[in-house]
């Protein structure tokens, strides 16, 4: 899904209005979408009380519409205006005049009064409609205090279009910023929502369709996209009833070493859960008994000495738990040089590359690399912090220089290839900052490669579904207790959600 600049989204607004759609109608659709997102959170908490903050601009107008819809849905909305009602103009004023009696309105309340309002109405969800995409300078009063107040409440926050305080193009925080749990962005995601600087403030991104004509959207040029369910679902068409395991590929995983027996099992289990027909797991002979005892029965573990025979496989996943001995380094280089099928390289395979990246240019088959910031730092001779500070640029440069699909993991995982285009993933949660999660992703991408997806599609599908499964697992286990094995067991639900998203 294309990500757009502030100028591009304004042009889309104007072109849509020129077709005969009133600007007030676009605001109506936006506010209704926010209300729907809010009711989902209310339902999960078995509650009805919502506190909405509205500025005097169009963002505030969306919040006013949302308040009316919430009241009509039987919720209990309370609206705090960060202006006097006689300061409202245009569409926000039109919608304010349509408010029903079920919406309680407070104008420019002082800090003490806001605390009293919260005590009285006990809101379960907060809606941020203070500042929109027009912010370029520092946040000023009364918005500054209101944003701090929202963050201090510690309740789930739904931000309208973009969390108040973020500059919508660079994604930089202008002094203070609402920390949202969900951001409902209108029409298309804003580039600022995807920027590394904004990740901690945006939460889950929901893109609301407010009726921009498809021909206008299709004409937008951008080099940044948000990976969406709509992008990924077509990669997995319905299977024919006559299908057999040979139709879905055979993946070879080369992984494991003494002391590192969990990584290969997680990788293989994730691959098997990701639709591949067959999974063979090649491990050193010394650890084969342990692996064989712990593998799911669908996996075929194979003891090997030296470089495994790669004949007859459709893709390879190399690296989880391999270790960094001299023999391992030689094996990884041999596999990269001579493979005729796509590879995904992770973990210790990346550590081998860090000693000699020139081997990538000698590869005869497509390659996906999946470094976390520390591994990318070792690959390019920088610290993890330096990588984090320039995630997009570093991933793009590496992919172009070495001709590989690059997956730079972390919050807002970046996928890119030699084209220089960026695909940003917004699924996933902090509970996934655990050992084994990268091994799971490697197995998934390997499985998708074996099923015939292109390296770029396998990477995009992998990171999206990996994060989606992590989000599903969090609902059951919470972030603190979430394990990589929980994510694997949630992959079925993630695939099911993908199908439902297209119905």
Protein backbone atom coordinates (compact mmCIF):
# COMPACT_ATOMS: atom_id res chain seq x y z
CA UNK A 1 0.00 0.00 0.00
CA UNK A 2 1.48 3.32 -1.09
CA UNK A 3 2.66 5.71 1.60
CA UNK A 4 2.23 9.39 0.81
CA UNK A 5 3.53 12.79 1.74
CA UNK A 6 1.40 15.56 3.18
CA UNK A 7 1.34 17.29 -0.21
CA UNK A 8 0.19 14.10 -1.96
CA UNK A 9 -2.66 13.43 0.46
CA UNK A 10 -3.85 17.02 0.16
CA UNK A 11 -3.84 16.70 -3.61
CA UNK A 12 -5.86 13.49 -3.29
CA UNK A 13 -8.37 15.34 -1.11
CA UNK A 14 -8.67 18.16 -3.63
CA UNK A 15 -9.01 15.88 -6.65
CA UNK A 16 -11.66 13.80 -4.89
CA UNK A 17 -13.62 16.91 -3.91
CA UNK A 18 -13.41 18.08 -7.53
CA UNK A 19 -15.31 14.93 -8.58
CA UNK A 20 -18.30 16.10 -6.55
CA UNK A 21 -17.63 14.54 -3.15
CA UNK A 22 -18.12 17.24 -0.52
CA UNK A 23 -15.25 17.81 1.91
CA UNK A 24 -17.77 17.46 4.75
CA UNK A 25 -18.58 13.98 3.45
CA UNK A 26 -14.90 12.97 3.54
CA UNK A 27 -14.82 14.18 7.15
CA UNK A 28 -17.96 12.16 7.86
CA UNK A 29 -16.32 8.99 6.52
CA UNK A 30 -13.14 9.64 8.47
CA UNK A 31 -14.96 10.17 11.76
CA UNK A 32 -17.07 7.07 11.24
CA UNK A 33 -13.91 5.00 10.70
CA UNK A 34 -12.42 6.32 13.94
CA UNK A 35 -15.60 5.44 15.82
CA UNK A 36 -15.50 1.88 14.47
CA UNK A 37 -11.88 1.46 15.55
CA UNK A 38 -12.78 2.80 18.99
CA UNK A 39 -15.68 0.39 19.48
CA UNK A 40 -13.33 -2.53 18.93
CA UNK A 41 -11.24 -1.39 21.89
CA UNK A 42 -14.33 -0.70 23.98
CA UNK A 43 -15.67 -4.17 23.28
CA UNK A 44 -12.42 -5.78 24.42
CA UNK A 45 -12.72 -3.89 27.72
CA UNK A 46 -16.52 -4.39 28.05
CA UNK A 47 -16.92 -0.61 28.42
CA UNK A 48 -18.64 2.37 26.77
CA UNK A 49 -17.01 5.58 27.99
CA UNK A 50 -14.79 7.50 25.53
CA UNK A 51 -12.98 10.80 25.97
CA UNK A 52 -12.31 12.71 22.74
CA UNK A 53 -9.88 15.61 22.35
CA UNK A 54 -10.52 17.90 19.37
CA UNK A 55 -8.56 20.82 17.98
CA UNK A 56 -10.21 23.44 15.82
CA UNK A 57 -8.92 22.10 12.50
CA UNK A 58 -10.00 19.20 10.31
CA UNK A 59 -8.46 16.66 12.69
CA UNK A 60 -10.76 18.02 15.38
CA UNK A 61 -13.64 17.83 12.90
CA UNK A 62 -12.99 14.11 12.50
CA UNK A 63 -13.13 13.73 16.29
CA UNK A 64 -16.44 15.62 16.43
CA UNK A 65 -17.92 13.25 13.83
CA UNK A 66 -16.56 10.27 15.76
CA UNK A 67 -18.28 11.54 18.93
CA UNK A 68 -21.64 11.65 17.17
CA UNK A 69 -21.23 8.15 15.75
CA UNK A 70 -20.16 6.76 19.12
CA UNK A 71 -23.24 8.26 20.77
CA UNK A 72 -25.44 6.73 18.07
CA UNK A 73 -23.78 3.37 18.76
CA UNK A 74 -24.81 3.52 22.41
CA UNK A 75 -21.42 4.56 23.73
CA UNK A 76 -20.81 7.42 26.17
CA UNK A 77 -18.62 10.03 24.42
CA UNK A 78 -17.28 13.13 26.16
CA UNK A 79 -15.75 15.79 23.89
CA UNK A 80 -13.05 18.20 25.03
CA UNK A 81 -12.60 21.11 22.62
CA UNK A 82 -9.18 22.78 22.66
CA UNK A 83 -10.90 25.97 21.48
CA UNK A 84 -14.10 27.88 21.96
CA UNK A 85 -16.99 26.61 19.90
CA UNK A 86 -17.28 30.00 18.19
CA UNK A 87 -13.74 29.48 16.85
CA UNK A 88 -14.83 26.47 14.81
CA UNK A 89 -15.19 27.10 11.08
CA UNK A 90 -16.04 25.25 7.88
CA UNK A 91 -16.63 21.50 8.04
CA UNK A 92 -15.74 21.12 11.75
CA UNK A 93 -18.40 23.72 12.56
CA UNK A 94 -20.98 21.99 10.34
CA UNK A 95 -20.43 18.70 12.12
CA UNK A 96 -20.36 20.30 15.56
CA UNK A 97 -23.81 21.70 14.85
CA UNK A 98 -25.00 18.15 14.16
CA UNK A 99 -23.91 16.84 17.56
CA UNK A 100 -26.66 15.17 19.53
CA UNK A 101 -27.47 15.64 23.20
CA UNK A 102 -25.73 12.37 24.10
CA UNK A 103 -22.33 14.04 23.63
CA UNK A 104 -21.05 16.07 26.59
CA UNK A 105 -18.89 18.99 25.43
CA UNK A 106 -16.29 20.94 27.42
CA UNK A 107 -14.52 23.98 25.96
CA UNK A 108 -10.89 24.72 26.81
CA UNK A 109 -10.97 23.15 30.28
CA UNK A 110 -8.07 23.90 32.59
CA UNK A 111 -5.87 21.06 33.81
CA UNK A 112 -7.80 20.73 37.07
CA UNK A 113 -11.13 20.51 35.23
CA UNK A 114 -9.76 17.89 32.84
CA UNK A 115 -8.78 15.74 35.79
CA UNK A 116 -12.26 16.18 37.23
CA UNK A 117 -13.80 15.16 33.89
CA UNK A 118 -11.73 11.99 33.81
CA UNK A 119 -12.71 11.17 37.40
CA UNK A 120 -16.36 11.64 36.56
CA UNK A 121 -16.68 9.87 33.19
CA UNK A 122 -13.94 7.25 33.76
CA UNK A 123 -13.06 6.89 30.05
CA UNK A 124 -11.68 3.57 28.89
CA UNK A 125 -10.50 4.86 25.49
CA UNK A 126 -9.04 8.24 24.50
CA UNK A 127 -9.35 9.67 20.98
CA UNK A 128 -6.67 12.11 19.85
CA UNK A 129 -8.03 14.64 17.34
CA UNK A 130 -5.82 17.54 18.35
CA UNK A 131 -3.32 18.10 15.55
CA UNK A 132 -3.17 16.58 12.09
CA UNK A 133 -0.74 16.48 9.18
CA UNK A 134 -0.29 20.25 9.11
CA UNK A 135 2.11 20.38 12.05
CA UNK A 136 5.59 21.63 11.12
CA UNK A 137 6.81 23.61 14.13
CA UNK A 138 6.95 22.92 17.84
CA UNK A 139 3.72 22.03 19.63
CA UNK A 140 2.33 25.03 21.51
CA UNK A 141 -0.27 25.55 24.22
CA UNK A 142 -2.99 24.53 24.84
CA UNK A 143 -2.05 21.45 22.81
CA UNK A 144 1.22 20.93 24.66
CA UNK A 145 -0.50 20.42 28.02
CA UNK A 146 -3.32 18.36 26.48
CA UNK A 147 -0.87 15.93 24.88
CA UNK A 148 1.01 15.49 28.15
CA UNK A 149 -2.29 14.93 29.93
CA UNK A 150 -3.36 12.24 27.43
CA UNK A 151 -0.07 10.39 27.86
CA UNK A 152 -0.34 10.53 31.65
CA UNK A 153 -3.76 8.88 31.63
CA UNK A 154 -2.31 5.51 30.69
CA UNK A 155 -5.42 4.46 28.75
CA UNK A 156 -5.64 3.08 25.20
CA UNK A 157 -5.40 5.92 22.69
CA UNK A 158 -6.76 6.06 19.15
CA UNK A 159 -5.02 8.77 17.11
CA UNK A 160 -6.79 10.32 14.15
CA UNK A 161 -4.67 10.22 10.97
CA UNK A 162 -1.38 10.80 12.81
CA UNK A 163 -0.55 11.09 16.52
CA UNK A 164 -0.56 14.74 17.56
CA UNK A 165 2.98 16.05 17.74
CA UNK A 166 4.46 14.16 14.78
CA UNK A 167 5.56 15.99 11.66
CA UNK A 168 3.81 13.93 8.98
CA UNK A 169 6.69 13.68 6.47
CA UNK A 170 9.93 13.14 8.44
CA UNK A 171 8.06 11.51 11.32
CA UNK A 172 9.90 13.62 13.85
CA UNK A 173 8.38 14.50 17.20
CA UNK A 174 7.95 18.21 17.66
CA UNK A 175 8.71 18.45 21.37
CA UNK A 176 5.90 16.25 22.71
CA UNK A 177 3.72 13.63 21.06
CA UNK A 178 0.69 11.49 21.83
CA UNK A 179 1.61 7.83 22.34
CA UNK A 180 -1.11 6.03 20.42
CA UNK A 181 -2.11 2.39 20.62
CA UNK A 182 -3.92 2.63 17.29
CA UNK A 183 -3.57 5.21 14.53
CA UNK A 184 -6.48 5.38 12.09
CA UNK A 185 -4.99 7.05 9.04
CA UNK A 186 -7.20 8.27 6.23
CA UNK A 187 -7.07 6.98 2.67
CA UNK A 188 -3.39 6.03 2.60
CA UNK A 189 -0.66 5.77 5.25
CA UNK A 190 1.45 8.88 5.71
CA UNK A 191 5.18 8.43 5.26
CA UNK A 192 5.81 9.94 8.67
CA UNK A 193 3.90 7.12 10.35
CA UNK A 194 6.41 4.62 8.98
CA UNK A 195 9.58 6.56 9.74
CA UNK A 196 11.82 5.03 12.43
CA UNK A 197 11.46 8.14 14.59
CA UNK A 198 7.69 7.64 14.83
CA UNK A 199 7.54 3.92 15.65
CA UNK A 200 7.20 4.35 19.41
CA UNK A 201 4.23 6.70 19.03
CA UNK A 202 2.09 5.24 16.26
CA UNK A 203 0.95 1.87 17.59
CA UNK A 204 -1.07 -0.32 15.24
CA UNK A 205 -1.85 1.35 11.92
CA UNK A 206 -5.34 1.05 10.48
CA UNK A 207 -5.90 2.56 7.04
CA UNK A 208 -9.46 3.82 6.59
CA UNK A 209 -10.94 3.82 3.09
CA UNK A 210 -12.68 7.20 2.76
CA UNK A 211 -13.43 6.89 -0.93
CA UNK A 212 -10.45 8.24 -2.87
CA UNK A 213 -10.98 7.18 -6.52
CA UNK A 214 -8.65 4.32 -7.40
CA UNK A 215 -7.43 6.03 -10.55
CA UNK A 216 -6.11 8.91 -8.45
CA UNK A 217 -4.40 6.58 -6.00
CA UNK A 218 -2.87 4.61 -8.86
CA UNK A 219 -1.26 7.74 -10.26
CA UNK A 220 0.68 8.51 -7.08
CA UNK A 221 4.43 7.96 -7.29
CA UNK A 222 6.23 6.88 -4.14
CA UNK A 223 9.24 4.79 -3.16
CA UNK A 224 7.83 3.83 0.26
CA UNK A 225 4.98 1.42 0.92
CA UNK A 226 3.30 -0.07 3.98
CA UNK A 227 3.01 -3.85 3.73
CA UNK A 228 -0.69 -4.61 4.03
CA UNK A 229 -2.96 -7.64 4.07
CA UNK A 230 -4.11 -6.58 0.62
CA UNK A 231 -0.53 -6.86 -0.65
CA UNK A 232 0.12 -10.25 0.92
CA UNK A 233 -3.18 -12.14 0.46
CA UNK A 234 -2.88 -12.53 -3.35
CA UNK A 235 0.44 -14.33 -2.84
CA UNK A 236 -1.48 -17.28 -1.35
CA UNK A 237 -4.28 -18.28 -3.73
CA UNK A 238 -6.72 -21.02 -2.75
CA UNK A 239 -5.24 -24.48 -3.18
CA UNK A 240 -6.63 -26.94 -5.69
CA UNK A 241 -8.37 -29.96 -4.19
CA UNK A 242 -6.08 -32.19 -6.27
CA UNK A 243 -2.92 -30.60 -4.83
CA UNK A 244 -0.19 -32.76 -3.27
CA UNK A 245 2.87 -32.02 -1.17
CA UNK A 246 5.10 -31.84 -4.21
CA UNK A 247 3.18 -28.79 -5.39
CA UNK A 248 4.35 -26.72 -2.42
CA UNK A 249 8.08 -27.21 -2.49
CA UNK A 250 10.83 -28.84 -0.49
CA UNK A 251 12.86 -26.65 1.86
CA UNK A 252 16.33 -27.51 3.12
CA UNK A 253 17.29 -25.88 6.41
CA UNK A 254 20.98 -25.91 7.34
CA UNK A 255 21.25 -25.03 11.01
CA UNK A 256 22.35 -25.97 14.50
CA UNK A 257 25.53 -26.74 16.41
CA UNK A 258 26.49 -28.02 19.85
CA UNK A 259 24.76 -25.85 22.43
CA UNK A 260 22.37 -24.39 19.83
CA UNK A 261 19.71 -27.01 19.29
CA UNK A 262 16.61 -24.84 19.81
CA UNK A 263 17.12 -22.52 16.83
CA UNK A 264 16.98 -25.21 14.13
CA UNK A 265 13.85 -26.78 15.64
CA UNK A 266 12.06 -23.42 15.80
CA UNK A 267 13.09 -22.61 12.25
CA UNK A 268 11.89 -25.96 10.90
CA UNK A 269 8.64 -25.91 12.87
CA UNK A 270 7.83 -22.41 11.57
CA UNK A 271 8.55 -23.51 8.01
CA UNK A 272 6.24 -26.49 8.33
CA UNK A 273 3.49 -24.19 9.66
CA UNK A 274 3.95 -21.87 6.68
CA UNK A 275 2.63 -24.11 3.94
CA UNK A 276 5.71 -25.75 2.46
CA UNK A 277 5.23 -29.33 1.28
CA UNK A 278 8.36 -30.85 2.83
CA UNK A 279 11.02 -29.69 5.28
CA UNK A 280 14.43 -31.33 5.63
CA UNK A 281 16.58 -30.14 8.50
CA UNK A 282 20.30 -30.73 8.04
CA UNK A 283 22.23 -30.61 11.33
CA UNK A 284 25.68 -31.72 12.50
CA UNK A 285 25.81 -35.41 13.32
CA UNK A 286 26.83 -34.66 16.91
CA UNK A 287 23.50 -33.02 17.72
CA UNK A 288 21.27 -35.15 15.52
CA UNK A 289 19.84 -37.28 18.40
CA UNK A 290 18.76 -34.14 20.28
CA UNK A 291 17.22 -32.57 17.18
CA UNK A 292 15.44 -35.76 16.18
CA UNK A 293 13.93 -36.08 19.65
CA UNK A 294 12.63 -32.49 19.67
CA UNK A 295 11.48 -31.96 16.09
CA UNK A 296 7.79 -32.11 15.23
CA UNK A 297 7.09 -35.37 13.39
CA UNK A 298 6.46 -33.50 10.12
CA UNK A 299 10.13 -32.46 9.95
CA UNK A 300 12.77 -34.72 8.40
CA UNK A 301 16.02 -34.24 10.36
CA UNK A 302 19.17 -35.32 8.57
CA UNK A 303 22.65 -35.75 10.10
CA UNK A 304 25.40 -34.31 7.92
CA UNK A 305 29.16 -33.97 7.94
CA UNK A 306 30.41 -30.98 6.00
CA UNK A 307 28.42 -29.44 3.15
CA UNK A 308 24.98 -31.08 2.80
CA UNK A 309 23.75 -32.42 -0.53
CA UNK A 310 21.41 -29.74 -1.92
CA UNK A 311 20.06 -31.77 -4.83
CA UNK A 312 16.29 -31.83 -5.19
CA UNK A 313 15.40 -28.87 -3.00
CA UNK A 314 13.44 -25.78 -4.02
CA UNK A 315 14.95 -23.34 -1.50
CA UNK A 316 17.36 -23.19 1.41
CA UNK A 317 17.40 -21.47 4.80
CA UNK A 318 20.88 -21.22 6.29
CA UNK A 319 22.19 -19.94 9.59
CA UNK A 320 20.12 -20.42 12.77
CA UNK A 321 22.40 -21.72 15.52
CA UNK A 322 25.15 -22.78 13.09
CA UNK A 323 28.07 -21.49 15.15
CA UNK A 324 31.13 -19.79 13.70
CA UNK A 325 33.77 -22.48 13.41
CA UNK A 326 36.12 -22.64 10.42
CA UNK A 327 34.27 -25.61 8.92
CA UNK A 328 30.97 -23.77 9.24
CA UNK A 329 32.36 -20.70 7.52
CA UNK A 330 33.60 -22.78 4.60
CA UNK A 331 30.26 -24.57 4.33
CA UNK A 332 28.26 -21.33 4.24
CA UNK A 333 30.50 -19.89 1.53
CA UNK A 334 30.15 -23.07 -0.53
CA UNK A 335 26.37 -23.05 -0.24
CA UNK A 336 26.18 -19.41 -1.31
CA UNK A 337 28.55 -19.85 -4.26
CA UNK A 338 27.02 -23.01 -5.67
CA UNK A 339 23.33 -22.93 -4.81
CA UNK A 340 20.97 -23.00 -7.78
CA UNK A 341 17.89 -22.31 -5.63
CA UNK A 342 16.94 -19.22 -3.59
CA UNK A 343 18.44 -18.87 -0.11
CA UNK A 344 17.52 -16.99 3.02
CA UNK A 345 20.52 -16.23 5.24
CA UNK A 346 20.27 -15.40 8.93
CA UNK A 347 22.15 -15.48 12.22
CA UNK A 348 25.54 -17.22 11.93
CA UNK A 349 25.37 -17.24 8.14
CA UNK A 350 25.36 -13.44 8.39
CA UNK A 351 28.31 -13.56 10.78
CA UNK A 352 30.21 -15.50 8.13
CA UNK A 353 29.34 -12.83 5.57
CA UNK A 354 30.63 -10.14 7.93
CA UNK A 355 34.13 -11.59 7.41
CA UNK A 356 33.85 -11.52 3.61
CA UNK A 357 30.90 -9.87 1.92
CA UNK A 358 32.36 -10.42 -1.53
CA UNK A 359 30.90 -13.93 -1.51
CA UNK A 360 27.46 -12.38 -2.07
CA UNK A 361 28.57 -11.10 -5.45
CA UNK A 362 29.67 -14.61 -6.40
CA UNK A 363 26.25 -16.11 -5.72
CA UNK A 364 24.38 -17.60 -8.67
CA UNK A 365 20.98 -17.76 -6.96
CA UNK A 366 18.73 -15.08 -5.40
CA UNK A 367 19.40 -14.31 -1.75
CA UNK A 368 17.39 -12.85 1.12
CA UNK A 369 19.33 -11.62 4.16
CA UNK A 370 17.55 -10.99 7.46
CA UNK A 371 19.84 -9.10 9.87
CA UNK A 372 18.79 -7.45 13.09
CA UNK A 373 20.50 -4.09 13.76
CA UNK A 374 23.46 -5.70 15.52
CA UNK A 375 24.06 -8.11 12.65
CA UNK A 376 23.70 -5.36 10.09
CA UNK A 377 26.19 -3.34 12.09
CA UNK A 378 28.70 -6.18 11.87
CA UNK A 379 28.09 -6.51 8.15
CA UNK A 380 28.87 -2.86 7.43
CA UNK A 381 31.25 -2.02 10.27
CA UNK A 382 28.92 0.22 12.28
CA UNK A 383 27.30 0.06 15.70
CA UNK A 384 23.73 -1.13 16.16
CA UNK A 385 22.82 2.39 17.29
CA UNK A 386 24.21 3.86 14.08
CA UNK A 387 22.13 1.37 12.10
CA UNK A 388 19.01 2.27 14.05
CA UNK A 389 19.59 5.97 13.39
CA UNK A 390 19.59 5.42 9.62
CA UNK A 391 17.58 2.23 9.09
CA UNK A 392 16.03 3.07 5.73
CA UNK A 393 19.18 4.42 4.14
CA UNK A 394 21.40 1.57 5.34
CA UNK A 395 19.01 -1.19 4.25
CA UNK A 396 18.58 0.44 0.84
CA UNK A 397 22.32 0.88 0.32
CA UNK A 398 23.12 -2.70 1.32
CA UNK A 399 20.48 -4.19 -0.98
CA UNK A 400 21.66 -2.13 -3.93
CA UNK A 401 25.35 -2.76 -3.35
CA UNK A 402 25.09 -6.54 -3.03
CA UNK A 403 22.00 -7.25 -5.15
CA UNK A 404 20.11 -9.04 -2.36
CA UNK A 405 16.68 -8.64 -0.82
CA UNK A 406 17.38 -7.11 2.58
CA UNK A 407 15.15 -7.51 5.62
CA UNK A 408 16.34 -5.19 8.39
CA UNK A 409 14.46 -6.47 11.42
CA UNK A 410 13.11 -4.52 14.35
CA UNK A 411 10.13 -2.27 15.01
CA UNK A 412 9.10 -1.13 11.55
CA UNK A 413 10.99 -3.91 9.75
CA UNK A 414 12.37 -2.68 6.42
CA UNK A 415 12.25 -4.81 3.28
CA UNK A 416 14.07 -3.58 0.19
CA UNK A 417 15.83 -4.81 -2.93
CA UNK A 418 18.17 -3.45 -5.56
CA UNK A 419 15.39 -1.21 -6.93
CA UNK A 420 15.78 1.03 -3.89
CA UNK A 421 12.09 0.89 -3.06
CA UNK A 422 11.17 0.38 0.60
CA UNK A 423 8.40 -1.74 2.10
CA UNK A 424 7.76 -1.13 5.80
CA UNK A 425 6.03 -3.60 8.09
CA UNK A 426 3.79 -2.38 10.92
CA UNK A 427 2.61 -5.70 12.38
CA UNK A 428 4.22 -7.11 15.49
CA UNK A 429 4.75 -5.94 19.08
CA UNK A 430 7.43 -5.53 21.78
CA UNK A 431 6.68 -9.01 23.14
CA UNK A 432 8.51 -10.34 20.09
CA UNK A 433 11.82 -8.98 21.39
CA UNK A 434 12.76 -12.51 22.48
CA UNK A 435 15.23 -15.17 21.44
CA UNK A 436 14.04 -17.47 18.68
CA UNK A 437 11.80 -14.97 16.87
CA UNK A 438 14.37 -14.47 14.11
CA UNK A 439 14.68 -18.23 13.64
CA UNK A 440 10.92 -18.40 13.13
CA UNK A 441 11.02 -15.66 10.48
CA UNK A 442 13.85 -17.43 8.65
CA UNK A 443 11.82 -20.62 8.47
CA UNK A 444 8.79 -18.76 7.20
CA UNK A 445 10.67 -16.93 4.45
CA UNK A 446 12.37 -20.17 3.45
CA UNK A 447 9.00 -21.90 3.23
CA UNK A 448 7.62 -19.17 1.00
CA UNK A 449 10.68 -19.32 -1.26
CA UNK A 450 10.22 -23.09 -1.60
CA UNK A 451 6.57 -22.54 -2.59
CA UNK A 452 7.70 -20.40 -5.50
CA UNK A 453 7.31 -16.86 -4.19
CA UNK A 454 9.88 -14.39 -5.43
CA UNK A 455 12.52 -13.41 -2.88
CA UNK A 456 10.90 -9.99 -2.47
CA UNK A 457 7.39 -11.42 -2.02
CA UNK A 458 8.66 -14.12 0.35
CA UNK A 459 10.30 -11.46 2.50
CA UNK A 460 7.27 -9.15 2.51
CA UNK A 461 4.86 -11.98 3.28
CA UNK A 462 7.21 -13.35 5.92
CA UNK A 463 7.56 -10.18 7.95
CA UNK A 464 3.85 -9.32 7.71
CA UNK A 465 2.57 -12.75 8.78
CA UNK A 466 5.32 -13.11 11.39
CA UNK A 467 4.19 -9.87 13.03
CA UNK A 468 0.52 -10.71 12.62
CA UNK A 469 1.00 -14.07 14.34
CA UNK A 470 2.91 -12.30 17.09
CA UNK A 471 0.01 -9.92 17.60
CA UNK A 472 -2.45 -12.81 17.81
CA UNK A 473 -0.20 -14.65 20.28
CA UNK A 474 0.06 -11.50 22.42
CA UNK A 475 -3.71 -11.45 22.87
CA UNK A 476 -3.51 -14.85 24.51
CA UNK A 477 -0.22 -14.72 26.36
CA UNK A 478 0.60 -11.03 26.85
CA UNK A 479 3.87 -9.38 25.86
CA UNK A 480 5.93 -10.48 28.85
CA UNK A 481 5.15 -14.18 28.49
CA UNK A 482 5.14 -14.38 24.68
CA UNK A 483 7.47 -17.05 23.26
CA UNK A 484 8.61 -17.86 19.74
CA UNK A 485 6.80 -21.18 20.00
CA UNK A 486 3.57 -19.30 20.81
CA UNK A 487 3.99 -17.32 17.61
CA UNK A 488 4.41 -20.51 15.58
CA UNK A 489 1.17 -21.92 16.99
CA UNK A 490 -0.59 -18.67 15.99
CA UNK A 491 0.43 -18.86 12.33
CA UNK A 492 -2.76 -20.70 11.39
CA UNK A 493 -4.86 -17.87 12.82
CA UNK A 494 -2.69 -15.31 11.01
CA UNK A 495 -3.29 -17.04 7.67
CA UNK A 496 -7.01 -17.23 8.45
CA UNK A 497 -7.11 -13.49 9.18
CA UNK A 498 -5.38 -12.87 5.88
CA UNK A 499 -8.13 -14.71 4.03
CA UNK A 500 -10.87 -12.92 5.98
CA UNK A 501 -9.33 -9.53 5.19
CA UNK A 502 -10.18 -10.09 1.52
CA UNK A 503 -13.81 -11.16 2.05
